[in-house]
Amino acid sequence: MEQKYINNQQLREFVQQHELMNSHSIIQFNSIVSITTAKNKLTNEQMRIMVTYDGYDSYGQLTLLESDIDPYLFPTVFEAKWQNIKHVDNEYLEINGVHTQNQDIGKYIVKIIPLKRLEE
């Protein structure tokens, strides 16, 4: 099976298992996020996250909705079509990738621990 289908399956499993979708099919939740890039590190920061499955040829997109993060130092949008996504031990989501256009980010690992779905 192609990696993009596995990524989509892992992202959907993460959302379902942690009950992150509200009754209006909106997926926004609070989480603890850690990001390690080639040159920077962010550890256990609380952030709001959104997951969407919209658009043509979309396998799912996860976005960090945190305005304090510098997008030149840390990745903030993750496409299941391009990054490796894994739901680890039914506890957290791990995203691995390489930012080929920004060497300050380079190879990165993101760990997302869900806390609570945002209210209806």
PDB file of N, CA and C in Angstrom:
ATOM      1  N   MET A   1       0.849  -1.180   0.000  1.00  0.00           N
ATOM      2  CA  MET A   1       0.000   0.000   0.000  1.00  0.00           C
ATOM      3  C   MET A   1       0.892   1.240   0.000  1.00  0.00           C
ATOM      4  N   GLU A   2       0.505   2.225  -0.789  1.00  0.00           N
ATOM      5  CA  GLU A   2       1.285   3.455  -0.861  1.00  0.00           C
ATOM      6  C   GLU A   2       1.288   4.191   0.468  1.00  0.00           C
ATOM      7  N   GLN A   3       2.397   4.894   0.736  1.00  0.00           N
ATOM      8  CA  GLN A   3       2.563   5.593   2.008  1.00  0.00           C
ATOM      9  C   GLN A   3       1.479   6.642   2.241  1.00  0.00           C
ATOM     10  N   LYS A   4       1.022   7.335   1.199  1.00  0.00           N
ATOM     11  CA  LYS A   4       0.009   8.374   1.399  1.00  0.00           C
ATOM     12  C   LYS A   4      -1.308   7.785   1.908  1.00  0.00           C
ATOM     13  N   TYR A   5      -1.632   6.556   1.499  1.00  0.00           N
ATOM     14  CA  TYR A   5      -2.846   5.906   1.997  1.00  0.00           C
ATOM     15  C   TYR A   5      -2.670   5.475   3.451  1.00  0.00           C
ATOM     16  N   ILE A   6      -1.492   4.997   3.792  1.00  0.00           N
ATOM     17  CA  ILE A   6      -1.185   4.616   5.172  1.00  0.00           C
ATOM     18  C   ILE A   6      -1.248   5.850   6.063  1.00  0.00           C
ATOM     19  N   ASN A   7      -0.677   6.980   5.599  1.00  0.00           N
ATOM     20  CA  ASN A   7      -0.709   8.236   6.355  1.00  0.00           C
ATOM     21  C   ASN A   7      -2.137   8.677   6.612  1.00  0.00           C
ATOM     22  N   ASN A   8      -2.971   8.613   5.579  1.00  0.00           N
ATOM     23  CA  ASN A   8      -4.378   8.989   5.708  1.00  0.00           C
ATOM     24  C   ASN A   8      -5.069   8.096   6.728  1.00  0.00           C
ATOM     25  N   GLN A   9      -4.823   6.817   6.658  1.00  0.00           N
ATOM     26  CA  GLN A   9      -5.424   5.864   7.590  1.00  0.00           C
ATOM     27  C   GLN A   9      -4.979   6.142   9.027  1.00  0.00           C
ATOM     28  N   GLN A  10      -3.702   6.438   9.232  1.00  0.00           N
ATOM     29  CA  GLN A  10      -3.176   6.724  10.565  1.00  0.00           C
ATOM     30  C   GLN A  10      -3.776   8.015  11.131  1.00  0.00           C
ATOM     31  N   LEU A  11      -3.917   9.045  10.287  1.00  0.00           N
ATOM     32  CA  LEU A  11      -4.496  10.316  10.721  1.00  0.00           C
ATOM     33  C   LEU A  11      -5.968  10.128  11.104  1.00  0.00           C
ATOM     34  N   ARG A  12      -6.715   9.406  10.284  1.00  0.00           N
ATOM     35  CA  ARG A  12      -8.128   9.154  10.581  1.00  0.00           C
ATOM     36  C   ARG A  12      -8.292   8.325  11.860  1.00  0.00           C
ATOM     37  N   GLU A  13      -7.428   7.344  12.034  1.00  0.00           N
ATOM     38  CA  GLU A  13      -7.472   6.524  13.253  1.00  0.00           C
ATOM     39  C   GLU A  13      -7.210   7.376  14.497  1.00  0.00           C
ATOM     40  N   PHE A  14      -6.236   8.269  14.410  1.00  0.00           N
ATOM     41  CA  PHE A  14      -5.901   9.176  15.501  1.00  0.00           C
ATOM     42  C   PHE A  14      -7.112  10.035  15.875  1.00  0.00           C
ATOM     43  N   VAL A  15      -7.755  10.629  14.873  1.00  0.00           N
ATOM     44  CA  VAL A  15      -8.918  11.502  15.103  1.00  0.00           C
ATOM     45  C   VAL A  15     -10.071  10.711  15.718  1.00  0.00           C
ATOM     46  N   GLN A  16     -10.347   9.522  15.190  1.00  0.00           N
ATOM     47  CA  GLN A  16     -11.462   8.719  15.693  1.00  0.00           C
ATOM     48  C   GLN A  16     -11.199   8.185  17.095  1.00  0.00           C
ATOM     49  N   GLN A  17     -10.028   7.638  17.305  1.00  0.00           N
ATOM     50  CA  GLN A  17      -9.742   7.010  18.587  1.00  0.00           C
ATOM     51  C   GLN A  17      -9.736   7.998  19.751  1.00  0.00           C
ATOM     52  N   HIS A  18      -9.313   9.228  19.478  1.00  0.00           N
ATOM     53  CA  HIS A  18      -9.269  10.239  20.531  1.00  0.00           C
ATOM     54  C   HIS A  18     -10.517  11.127  20.530  1.00  0.00           C
ATOM     55  N   GLU A  19     -11.497  10.783  19.685  1.00  0.00           N
ATOM     56  CA  GLU A  19     -12.784  11.493  19.598  1.00  0.00           C
ATOM     57  C   GLU A  19     -12.579  12.996  19.434  1.00  0.00           C
ATOM     58  N   LEU A  20     -11.836  13.368  18.396  1.00  0.00           N
ATOM     59  CA  LEU A  20     -11.471  14.766  18.178  1.00  0.00           C
ATOM     60  C   LEU A  20     -12.421  15.515  17.241  1.00  0.00           C
ATOM     61  N   MET A  21     -13.358  14.812  16.607  1.00  0.00           N
ATOM     62  CA  MET A  21     -14.314  15.455  15.709  1.00  0.00           C
ATOM     63  C   MET A  21     -15.590  15.786  16.475  1.00  0.00           C
ATOM     64  N   ASN A  22     -16.080  17.020  16.320  1.00  0.00           N
ATOM     65  CA  ASN A  22     -17.326  17.377  17.007  1.00  0.00           C
ATOM     66  C   ASN A  22     -18.538  17.001  16.156  1.00  0.00           C
ATOM     67  N   SER A  23     -19.724  17.302  16.631  1.00  0.00           N
ATOM     68  CA  SER A  23     -20.958  16.898  15.948  1.00  0.00           C
ATOM     69  C   SER A  23     -21.171  17.609  14.618  1.00  0.00           C
ATOM     70  N   HIS A  24     -20.396  18.646  14.340  1.00  0.00           N
ATOM     71  CA  HIS A  24     -20.487  19.369  13.065  1.00  0.00           C
ATOM     72  C   HIS A  24     -19.360  18.954  12.118  1.00  0.00           C
ATOM     73  N   SER A  25     -18.696  17.846  12.436  1.00  0.00           N
ATOM     74  CA  SER A  25     -17.583  17.303  11.647  1.00  0.00           C
ATOM     75  C   SER A  25     -16.376  18.235  11.587  1.00  0.00           C
ATOM     76  N   ILE A  26     -16.227  19.081  12.588  1.00  0.00           N
ATOM     77  CA  ILE A  26     -15.076  19.969  12.685  1.00  0.00           C
ATOM     78  C   ILE A  26     -14.054  19.314  13.607  1.00  0.00           C
ATOM     79  N   ILE A  27     -12.802  19.317  13.161  1.00  0.00           N
ATOM     80  CA  ILE A  27     -11.745  18.682  13.942  1.00  0.00           C
ATOM     81  C   ILE A  27     -10.767  19.757  14.396  1.00  0.00           C
ATOM     82  N   GLN A  28     -10.997  20.266  15.596  1.00  0.00           N
ATOM     83  CA  GLN A  28     -10.096  21.213  16.236  1.00  0.00           C
ATOM     84  C   GLN A  28      -9.939  20.777  17.684  1.00  0.00           C
ATOM     85  N   PHE A  29      -8.693  20.761  18.150  1.00  0.00           N
ATOM     86  CA  PHE A  29      -8.447  20.275  19.503  1.00  0.00           C
ATOM     87  C   PHE A  29      -7.192  20.903  20.081  1.00  0.00           C
ATOM     88  N   ASN A  30      -7.123  20.879  21.402  1.00  0.00           N
ATOM     89  CA  ASN A  30      -5.934  21.324  22.112  1.00  0.00           C
ATOM     90  C   ASN A  30      -4.999  20.138  22.270  1.00  0.00           C
ATOM     91  N   SER A  31      -3.707  20.414  22.273  1.00  0.00           N
ATOM     92  CA  SER A  31      -2.729  19.343  22.359  1.00  0.00           C
ATOM     93  C   SER A  31      -1.420  19.848  22.953  1.00  0.00           C
ATOM     94  N   ILE A  32      -0.566  18.910  23.259  1.00  0.00           N
ATOM     95  CA  ILE A  32       0.814  19.202  23.647  1.00  0.00           C
ATOM     96  C   ILE A  32       1.675  18.820  22.454  1.00  0.00           C
ATOM     97  N   VAL A  33       2.479  19.765  21.969  1.00  0.00           N
ATOM     98  CA  VAL A  33       3.262  19.556  20.754  1.00  0.00           C
ATOM     99  C   VAL A  33       4.749  19.730  21.047  1.00  0.00           C
ATOM    100  N   SER A  34       5.534  18.815  20.500  1.00  0.00           N
ATOM    101  CA  SER A  34       6.993  18.930  20.522  1.00  0.00           C
ATOM    102  C   SER A  34       7.478  18.817  19.088  1.00  0.00           C
ATOM    103  N   ILE A  35       8.395  19.709  18.700  1.00  0.00           N
ATOM    104  CA  ILE A  35       8.929  19.710  17.341  1.00  0.00           C
ATOM    105  C   ILE A  35      10.454  19.769  17.417  1.00  0.00           C
ATOM    106  N   THR A  36      11.107  18.883  16.697  1.00  0.00           N
ATOM    107  CA  THR A  36      12.559  18.910  16.584  1.00  0.00           C
ATOM    108  C   THR A  36      12.896  19.068  15.108  1.00  0.00           C
ATOM    109  N   THR A  37      13.651  20.115  14.788  1.00  0.00           N
ATOM    110  CA  THR A  37      14.084  20.349  13.408  1.00  0.00           C
ATOM    111  C   THR A  37      15.603  20.245  13.354  1.00  0.00           C
ATOM    112  N   ALA A  38      16.158  20.540  12.187  1.00  0.00           N
ATOM    113  CA  ALA A  38      17.608  20.471  12.016  1.00  0.00           C
ATOM    114  C   ALA A  38      18.340  21.425  12.959  1.00  0.00           C
ATOM    115  N   LYS A  39      17.759  22.596  13.222  1.00  0.00           N
ATOM    116  CA  LYS A  39      18.448  23.602  14.022  1.00  0.00           C
ATOM    117  C   LYS A  39      17.707  24.075  15.268  1.00  0.00           C
ATOM    118  N   ASN A  40      16.452  23.686  15.437  1.00  0.00           N
ATOM    119  CA  ASN A  40      15.651  24.208  16.545  1.00  0.00           C
ATOM    120  C   ASN A  40      14.842  23.109  17.215  1.00  0.00           C
ATOM    121  N   LYS A  41      14.371  23.429  18.418  1.00  0.00           N
ATOM    122  CA  LYS A  41      13.568  22.470  19.165  1.00  0.00           C
ATOM    123  C   LYS A  41      12.508  23.218  19.974  1.00  0.00           C
ATOM    124  N   LEU A  42      11.316  22.667  19.982  1.00  0.00           N
ATOM    125  CA  LEU A  42      10.197  23.188  20.756  1.00  0.00           C
ATOM    126  C   LEU A  42       9.651  22.002  21.546  1.00  0.00           C
ATOM    127  N   THR A  43       9.551  22.138  22.872  1.00  0.00           N
ATOM    128  CA  THR A  43       9.182  20.993  23.694  1.00  0.00           C
ATOM    129  C   THR A  43       7.938  21.271  24.526  1.00  0.00           C
ATOM    130  N   ASN A  44       6.981  20.373  24.414  1.00  0.00           N
ATOM    131  CA  ASN A  44       5.760  20.368  25.233  1.00  0.00           C
ATOM    132  C   ASN A  44       5.043  21.714  25.293  1.00  0.00           C
ATOM    133  N   GLU A  45       4.759  22.271  24.130  1.00  0.00           N
ATOM    134  CA  GLU A  45       3.997  23.521  24.036  1.00  0.00           C
ATOM    135  C   GLU A  45       2.524  23.184  23.807  1.00  0.00           C
ATOM    136  N   GLN A  46       1.638  23.861  24.524  1.00  0.00           N
ATOM    137  CA  GLN A  46       0.213  23.653  24.300  1.00  0.00           C
ATOM    138  C   GLN A  46      -0.212  24.446  23.070  1.00  0.00           C
ATOM    139  N   MET A  47      -0.904  23.769  22.156  1.00  0.00           N
ATOM    140  CA  MET A  47      -1.337  24.401  20.906  1.00  0.00           C
ATOM    141  C   MET A  47      -2.705  23.893  20.495  1.00  0.00           C
ATOM    142  N   ARG A  48      -3.359  24.721  19.691  1.00  0.00           N
ATOM    143  CA  ARG A  48      -4.616  24.333  19.069  1.00  0.00           C
ATOM    144  C   ARG A  48      -4.296  23.782  17.688  1.00  0.00           C
ATOM    145  N   ILE A  49      -4.974  22.707  17.326  1.00  0.00           N
ATOM    146  CA  ILE A  49      -4.705  22.028  16.055  1.00  0.00           C
ATOM    147  C   ILE A  49      -6.002  21.833  15.296  1.00  0.00           C
ATOM    148  N   MET A  50      -5.894  21.886  13.971  1.00  0.00           N
ATOM    149  CA  MET A  50      -7.034  21.633  13.102  1.00  0.00           C
ATOM    150  C   MET A  50      -6.645  20.559  12.094  1.00  0.00           C
ATOM    151  N   VAL A  51      -7.573  19.628  11.844  1.00  0.00           N
ATOM    152  CA  VAL A  51      -7.389  18.608  10.819  1.00  0.00           C
ATOM    153  C   VAL A  51      -8.511  18.764   9.812  1.00  0.00           C
ATOM    154  N   THR A  52      -8.165  18.757   8.528  1.00  0.00           N
ATOM    155  CA  THR A  52      -9.171  18.835   7.465  1.00  0.00           C
ATOM    156  C   THR A  52      -8.904  17.746   6.435  1.00  0.00           C
ATOM    157  N   TYR A  53      -9.959  17.369   5.744  1.00  0.00           N
ATOM    158  CA  TYR A  53      -9.865  16.401   4.647  1.00  0.00           C
ATOM    159  C   TYR A  53     -10.440  17.012   3.376  1.00  0.00           C
ATOM    160  N   ASP A  54     -10.409  18.338   3.287  1.00  0.00           N
ATOM    161  CA  ASP A  54     -11.021  19.058   2.172  1.00  0.00           C
ATOM    162  C   ASP A  54     -10.089  19.111   0.970  1.00  0.00           C
ATOM    163  N   GLY A  55     -10.676  19.355  -0.152  1.00  0.00           N
ATOM    164  CA  GLY A  55      -9.907  19.632  -1.356  1.00  0.00           C
ATOM    165  C   GLY A  55      -9.679  18.416  -2.224  1.00  0.00           C
ATOM    166  N   TYR A  56      -9.458  18.685  -3.479  1.00  0.00           N
ATOM    167  CA  TYR A  56      -9.189  17.646  -4.464  1.00  0.00           C
ATOM    168  C   TYR A  56      -7.863  16.968  -4.134  1.00  0.00           C
ATOM    169  N   ASP A  57      -7.832  15.673  -4.188  1.00  0.00           N
ATOM    170  CA  ASP A  57      -6.615  14.885  -4.005  1.00  0.00           C
ATOM    171  C   ASP A  57      -6.012  15.060  -2.607  1.00  0.00           C
ATOM    172  N   SER A  58      -6.844  15.365  -1.604  1.00  0.00           N
ATOM    173  CA  SER A  58      -6.357  15.548  -0.244  1.00  0.00           C
ATOM    174  C   SER A  58      -6.447  14.236   0.530  1.00  0.00           C
ATOM    175  N   TYR A  59      -5.376  13.912   1.206  1.00  0.00           N
ATOM    176  CA  TYR A  59      -5.345  12.729   2.059  1.00  0.00           C
ATOM    177  C   TYR A  59      -5.420  13.141   3.525  1.00  0.00           C
ATOM    178  N   GLY A  60      -5.632  14.415   3.755  1.00  0.00           N
ATOM    179  CA  GLY A  60      -5.718  14.964   5.094  1.00  0.00           C
ATOM    180  C   GLY A  60      -4.624  15.985   5.319  1.00  0.00           C
ATOM    181  N   GLN A  61      -4.976  17.030   6.048  1.00  0.00           N
ATOM    182  CA  GLN A  61      -4.022  18.094   6.368  1.00  0.00           C
ATOM    183  C   GLN A  61      -4.173  18.444   7.844  1.00  0.00           C
ATOM    184  N   LEU A  62      -3.042  18.552   8.523  1.00  0.00           N
ATOM    185  CA  LEU A  62      -3.018  18.944   9.924  1.00  0.00           C
ATOM    186  C   LEU A  62      -2.308  20.286  10.004  1.00  0.00           C
ATOM    187  N   THR A  63      -2.936  21.243  10.696  1.00  0.00           N
ATOM    188  CA  THR A  63      -2.387  22.592  10.799  1.00  0.00           C
ATOM    189  C   THR A  63      -2.259  22.995  12.257  1.00  0.00           C
ATOM    190  N   LEU A  64      -1.101  23.537  12.610  1.00  0.00           N
ATOM    191  CA  LEU A  64      -0.897  24.101  13.942  1.00  0.00           C
ATOM    192  C   LEU A  64      -1.457  25.513  13.919  1.00  0.00           C
ATOM    193  N   LEU A  65      -2.447  25.793  14.748  1.00  0.00           N
ATOM    194  CA  LEU A  65      -3.111  27.098  14.769  1.00  0.00           C
ATOM    195  C   LEU A  65      -2.513  27.967  15.870  1.00  0.00           C
ATOM    196  N   GLU A  66      -1.222  28.095  15.856  1.00  0.00           N
ATOM    197  CA  GLU A  66      -0.505  28.832  16.897  1.00  0.00           C
ATOM    198  C   GLU A  66       0.255  29.976  16.235  1.00  0.00           C
ATOM    199  N   SER A  67      -0.128  31.204  16.538  1.00  0.00           N
ATOM    200  CA  SER A  67       0.473  32.358  15.856  1.00  0.00           C
ATOM    201  C   SER A  67       1.874  32.702  16.350  1.00  0.00           C
ATOM    202  N   ASP A  68       2.274  32.150  17.497  1.00  0.00           N
ATOM    203  CA  ASP A  68       3.591  32.467  18.043  1.00  0.00           C
ATOM    204  C   ASP A  68       4.729  31.671  17.396  1.00  0.00           C
ATOM    205  N   ILE A  69       4.405  30.669  16.610  1.00  0.00           N
ATOM    206  CA  ILE A  69       5.439  29.850  15.979  1.00  0.00           C
ATOM    207  C   ILE A  69       5.949  30.544  14.724  1.00  0.00           C
ATOM    208  N   ASP A  70       7.257  30.626  14.599  1.00  0.00           N
ATOM    209  CA  ASP A  70       7.881  31.205  13.414  1.00  0.00           C
ATOM    210  C   ASP A  70       7.920  30.143  12.314  1.00  0.00           C
ATOM    211  N   PRO A  71       7.162  30.324  11.219  1.00  0.00           N
ATOM    212  CA  PRO A  71       7.120  29.310  10.163  1.00  0.00           C
ATOM    213  C   PRO A  71       8.442  29.170   9.395  1.00  0.00           C
ATOM    214  N   TYR A  72       9.377  30.082   9.628  1.00  0.00           N
ATOM    215  CA  TYR A  72      10.703  29.950   9.015  1.00  0.00           C
ATOM    216  C   TYR A  72      11.609  29.042   9.847  1.00  0.00           C
ATOM    217  N   LEU A  73      11.203  28.771  11.095  1.00  0.00           N
ATOM    218  CA  LEU A  73      11.987  27.899  11.974  1.00  0.00           C
ATOM    219  C   LEU A  73      11.327  26.547  12.222  1.00  0.00           C
ATOM    220  N   PHE A  74       9.978  26.496  12.113  1.00  0.00           N
ATOM    221  CA  PHE A  74       9.244  25.267  12.400  1.00  0.00           C
ATOM    222  C   PHE A  74       8.165  25.042  11.344  1.00  0.00           C
ATOM    223  N   PRO A  75       7.942  23.794  10.950  1.00  0.00           N
ATOM    224  CA  PRO A  75       6.827  23.510  10.040  1.00  0.00           C
ATOM    225  C   PRO A  75       5.503  23.682  10.788  1.00  0.00           C
ATOM    226  N   THR A  76       4.473  24.150  10.096  1.00  0.00           N
ATOM    227  CA  THR A  76       3.180  24.379  10.743  1.00  0.00           C
ATOM    228  C   THR A  76       2.015  23.714  10.012  1.00  0.00           C
ATOM    229  N   VAL A  77       2.228  23.260   8.783  1.00  0.00           N
ATOM    230  CA  VAL A  77       1.186  22.593   8.006  1.00  0.00           C
ATOM    231  C   VAL A  77       1.747  21.257   7.519  1.00  0.00           C
ATOM    232  N   PHE A  78       0.951  20.202   7.709  1.00  0.00           N
ATOM    233  CA  PHE A  78       1.419  18.863   7.379  1.00  0.00           C
ATOM    234  C   PHE A  78       0.392  18.160   6.502  1.00  0.00           C
ATOM    235  N   GLU A  79       0.804  17.742   5.332  1.00  0.00           N
ATOM    236  CA  GLU A  79      -0.053  17.045   4.380  1.00  0.00           C
ATOM    237  C   GLU A  79       0.218  15.549   4.469  1.00  0.00           C
ATOM    238  N   ALA A  80      -0.835  14.759   4.656  1.00  0.00           N
ATOM    239  CA  ALA A  80      -0.669  13.309   4.737  1.00  0.00           C
ATOM    240  C   ALA A  80      -0.109  12.737   3.432  1.00  0.00           C
ATOM    241  N   LYS A  81      -0.259  13.469   2.358  1.00  0.00           N
ATOM    242  CA  LYS A  81       0.247  12.999   1.072  1.00  0.00           C
ATOM    243  C   LYS A  81       1.782  13.040   1.020  1.00  0.00           C
ATOM    244  N   TRP A  82       2.406  13.939   1.800  1.00  0.00           N
ATOM    245  CA  TRP A  82       3.847  14.140   1.678  1.00  0.00           C
ATOM    246  C   TRP A  82       4.650  13.759   2.912  1.00  0.00           C
ATOM    247  N   GLN A  83       4.111  13.905   4.106  1.00  0.00           N
ATOM    248  CA  GLN A  83       4.851  13.567   5.323  1.00  0.00           C
ATOM    249  C   GLN A  83       4.468  12.167   5.793  1.00  0.00           C
ATOM    250  N   ASN A  84       5.339  11.538   6.555  1.00  0.00           N
ATOM    251  CA  ASN A  84       5.018  10.247   7.166  1.00  0.00           C
ATOM    252  C   ASN A  84       4.280  10.505   8.473  1.00  0.00           C
ATOM    253  N   ILE A  85       3.115   9.897   8.607  1.00  0.00           N
ATOM    254  CA  ILE A  85       2.272  10.087   9.789  1.00  0.00           C
ATOM    255  C   ILE A  85       2.022   8.731  10.427  1.00  0.00           C
ATOM    256  N   LYS A  86       2.185   8.695  11.744  1.00  0.00           N
ATOM    257  CA  LYS A  86       2.000   7.438  12.457  1.00  0.00           C
ATOM    258  C   LYS A  86       1.314   7.698  13.797  1.00  0.00           C
ATOM    259  N   HIS A  87       0.259   6.924  14.077  1.00  0.00           N
ATOM    260  CA  HIS A  87      -0.422   6.972  15.366  1.00  0.00           C
ATOM    261  C   HIS A  87       0.305   5.962  16.260  1.00  0.00           C
ATOM    262  N   VAL A  88       1.074   6.451  17.210  1.00  0.00           N
ATOM    263  CA  VAL A  88       1.979   5.616  17.996  1.00  0.00           C
ATOM    264  C   VAL A  88       1.318   5.159  19.295  1.00  0.00           C
ATOM    265  N   ASP A  89       1.278   3.851  19.489  1.00  0.00           N
ATOM    266  CA  ASP A  89       0.776   3.224  20.722  1.00  0.00           C
ATOM    267  C   ASP A  89      -0.587   3.754  21.147  1.00  0.00           C
ATOM    268  N   ASN A  90      -1.396   4.196  20.195  1.00  0.00           N
ATOM    269  CA  ASN A  90      -2.724   4.754  20.488  1.00  0.00           C
ATOM    270  C   ASN A  90      -2.665   5.911  21.471  1.00  0.00           C
ATOM    271  N   GLU A  91      -1.527   6.619  21.517  1.00  0.00           N
ATOM    272  CA  GLU A  91      -1.344   7.718  22.458  1.00  0.00           C
ATOM    273  C   GLU A  91      -1.097   9.059  21.788  1.00  0.00           C
ATOM    274  N   TYR A  92      -0.269   9.096  20.766  1.00  0.00           N
ATOM    275  CA  TYR A  92       0.092  10.364  20.146  1.00  0.00           C
ATOM    276  C   TYR A  92       0.321  10.178  18.649  1.00  0.00           C
ATOM    277  N   LEU A  93       0.359  11.303  17.944  1.00  0.00           N
ATOM    278  CA  LEU A  93       0.611  11.308  16.511  1.00  0.00           C
ATOM    279  C   LEU A  93       2.048  11.767  16.282  1.00  0.00           C
ATOM    280  N   GLU A  94       2.759  11.043  15.446  1.00  0.00           N
ATOM    281  CA  GLU A  94       4.133  11.413  15.106  1.00  0.00           C
ATOM    282  C   GLU A  94       4.199  11.703  13.613  1.00  0.00           C
ATOM    283  N   ILE A  95       4.783  12.851  13.275  1.00  0.00           N
ATOM    284  CA  ILE A  95       4.922  13.258  11.882  1.00  0.00           C
ATOM    285  C   ILE A  95       6.402  13.453  11.597  1.00  0.00           C
ATOM    286  N   ASN A  96       6.883  12.799  10.536  1.00  0.00           N
ATOM    287  CA  ASN A  96       8.282  12.926  10.116  1.00  0.00           C
ATOM    288  C   ASN A  96       8.311  13.469   8.694  1.00  0.00           C
ATOM    289  N   GLY A  97       9.265  14.337   8.434  1.00  0.00           N
ATOM    290  CA  GLY A  97       9.401  14.865   7.085  1.00  0.00           C
ATOM    291  C   GLY A  97      10.704  15.604   6.906  1.00  0.00           C
ATOM    292  N   VAL A  98      10.891  16.084   5.691  1.00  0.00           N
ATOM    293  CA  VAL A  98      12.063  16.890   5.357  1.00  0.00           C
ATOM    294  C   VAL A  98      11.570  18.110   4.599  1.00  0.00           C
ATOM    295  N   HIS A  99      11.941  19.283   5.087  1.00  0.00           N
ATOM    296  CA  HIS A  99      11.588  20.532   4.405  1.00  0.00           C
ATOM    297  C   HIS A  99      12.733  20.832   3.442  1.00  0.00           C
ATOM    298  N   THR A 100      12.523  20.553   2.177  1.00  0.00           N
ATOM    299  CA  THR A 100      13.603  20.674   1.189  1.00  0.00           C
ATOM    300  C   THR A 100      13.927  22.112   0.809  1.00  0.00           C
ATOM    301  N   GLN A 101      13.019  23.050   1.076  1.00  0.00           N
ATOM    302  CA  GLN A 101      13.242  24.439   0.673  1.00  0.00           C
ATOM    303  C   GLN A 101      13.761  25.322   1.796  1.00  0.00           C
ATOM    304  N   ASN A 102      13.836  24.786   3.020  1.00  0.00           N
ATOM    305  CA  ASN A 102      14.324  25.571   4.147  1.00  0.00           C
ATOM    306  C   ASN A 102      15.276  24.714   4.975  1.00  0.00           C
ATOM    307  N   GLN A 103      16.561  24.966   4.843  1.00  0.00           N
ATOM    308  CA  GLN A 103      17.565  24.166   5.540  1.00  0.00           C
ATOM    309  C   GLN A 103      17.527  24.371   7.052  1.00  0.00           C
ATOM    310  N   ASP A 104      16.992  25.497   7.522  1.00  0.00           N
ATOM    311  CA  ASP A 104      16.861  25.709   8.962  1.00  0.00           C
ATOM    312  C   ASP A 104      15.868  24.725   9.578  1.00  0.00           C
ATOM    313  N   ILE A 105      14.896  24.304   8.793  1.00  0.00           N
ATOM    314  CA  ILE A 105      13.958  23.281   9.252  1.00  0.00           C
ATOM    315  C   ILE A 105      14.527  21.901   8.926  1.00  0.00           C
ATOM    316  N   GLY A 106      14.868  21.678   7.671  1.00  0.00           N
ATOM    317  CA  GLY A 106      15.462  20.403   7.264  1.00  0.00           C
ATOM    318  C   GLY A 106      14.615  19.214   7.680  1.00  0.00           C
ATOM    319  N   LYS A 107      15.277  18.183   8.209  1.00  0.00           N
ATOM    320  CA  LYS A 107      14.578  16.998   8.687  1.00  0.00           C
ATOM    321  C   LYS A 107      13.915  17.331  10.025  1.00  0.00           C
ATOM    322  N   TYR A 108      12.644  16.923  10.188  1.00  0.00           N
ATOM    323  CA  TYR A 108      11.930  17.253  11.418  1.00  0.00           C
ATOM    324  C   TYR A 108      11.085  16.083  11.902  1.00  0.00           C
ATOM    325  N   ILE A 109      10.806  16.127  13.208  1.00  0.00           N
ATOM    326  CA  ILE A 109       9.902  15.182  13.856  1.00  0.00           C
ATOM    327  C   ILE A 109       8.939  15.999  14.719  1.00  0.00           C
ATOM    328  N   VAL A 110       7.655  15.704  14.603  1.00  0.00           N
ATOM    329  CA  VAL A 110       6.624  16.392  15.380  1.00  0.00           C
ATOM    330  C   VAL A 110       5.860  15.339  16.176  1.00  0.00           C
ATOM    331  N   LYS A 111       5.661  15.609  17.453  1.00  0.00           N
ATOM    332  CA  LYS A 111       4.901  14.716  18.327  1.00  0.00           C
ATOM    333  C   LYS A 111       3.701  15.499  18.858  1.00  0.00           C
ATOM    334  N   ILE A 112       2.495  14.955  18.649  1.00  0.00           N
ATOM    335  CA  ILE A 112       1.255  15.630  19.041  1.00  0.00           C
ATOM    336  C   ILE A 112       0.479  14.728  19.999  1.00  0.00           C
ATOM    337  N   ILE A 113       0.335  15.197  21.224  1.00  0.00           N
ATOM    338  CA  ILE A 113      -0.437  14.477  22.237  1.00  0.00           C
ATOM    339  C   ILE A 113      -1.773  15.203  22.391  1.00  0.00           C
ATOM    340  N   PRO A 114      -2.872  14.564  22.039  1.00  0.00           N
ATOM    341  CA  PRO A 114      -4.178  15.237  22.128  1.00  0.00           C
ATOM    342  C   PRO A 114      -4.602  15.441  23.574  1.00  0.00           C
ATOM    343  N   LEU A 115      -5.199  16.591  23.842  1.00  0.00           N
ATOM    344  CA  LEU A 115      -5.715  16.878  25.181  1.00  0.00           C
ATOM    345  C   LEU A 115      -7.225  16.842  25.210  1.00  0.00           C
ATOM    346  N   LYS A 116      -7.840  17.724  24.409  1.00  0.00           N
ATOM    347  CA  LYS A 116      -9.292  17.860  24.474  1.00  0.00           C
ATOM    348  C   LYS A 116      -9.822  18.474  23.188  1.00  0.00           C
ATOM    349  N   ARG A 117     -10.915  17.918  22.697  1.00  0.00           N
ATOM    350  CA  ARG A 117     -11.596  18.485  21.533  1.00  0.00           C
ATOM    351  C   ARG A 117     -12.164  19.839  21.938  1.00  0.00           C
ATOM    352  N   LEU A 118     -12.113  20.798  21.029  1.00  0.00           N
ATOM    353  CA  LEU A 118     -12.700  22.104  21.308  1.00  0.00           C
ATOM    354  C   LEU A 118     -14.212  21.989  21.294  1.00  0.00           C
ATOM    355  N   GLU A 119     -14.848  22.828  22.022  1.00  0.00           N
ATOM    356  CA  GLU A 119     -16.299  22.765  22.206  1.00  0.00           C
ATOM    357  C   GLU A 119     -17.044  22.889  20.879  1.00  0.00           C
ATOM    358  N   GLU A 120     -18.282  22.420  20.907  1.00  0.00           N
ATOM    359  CA  GLU A 120     -19.153  22.445  19.726  1.00  0.00           C
ATOM    360  C   GLU A 120     -19.188  23.813  19.204  1.00  0.00           C
TER     361      GLU A 120
END
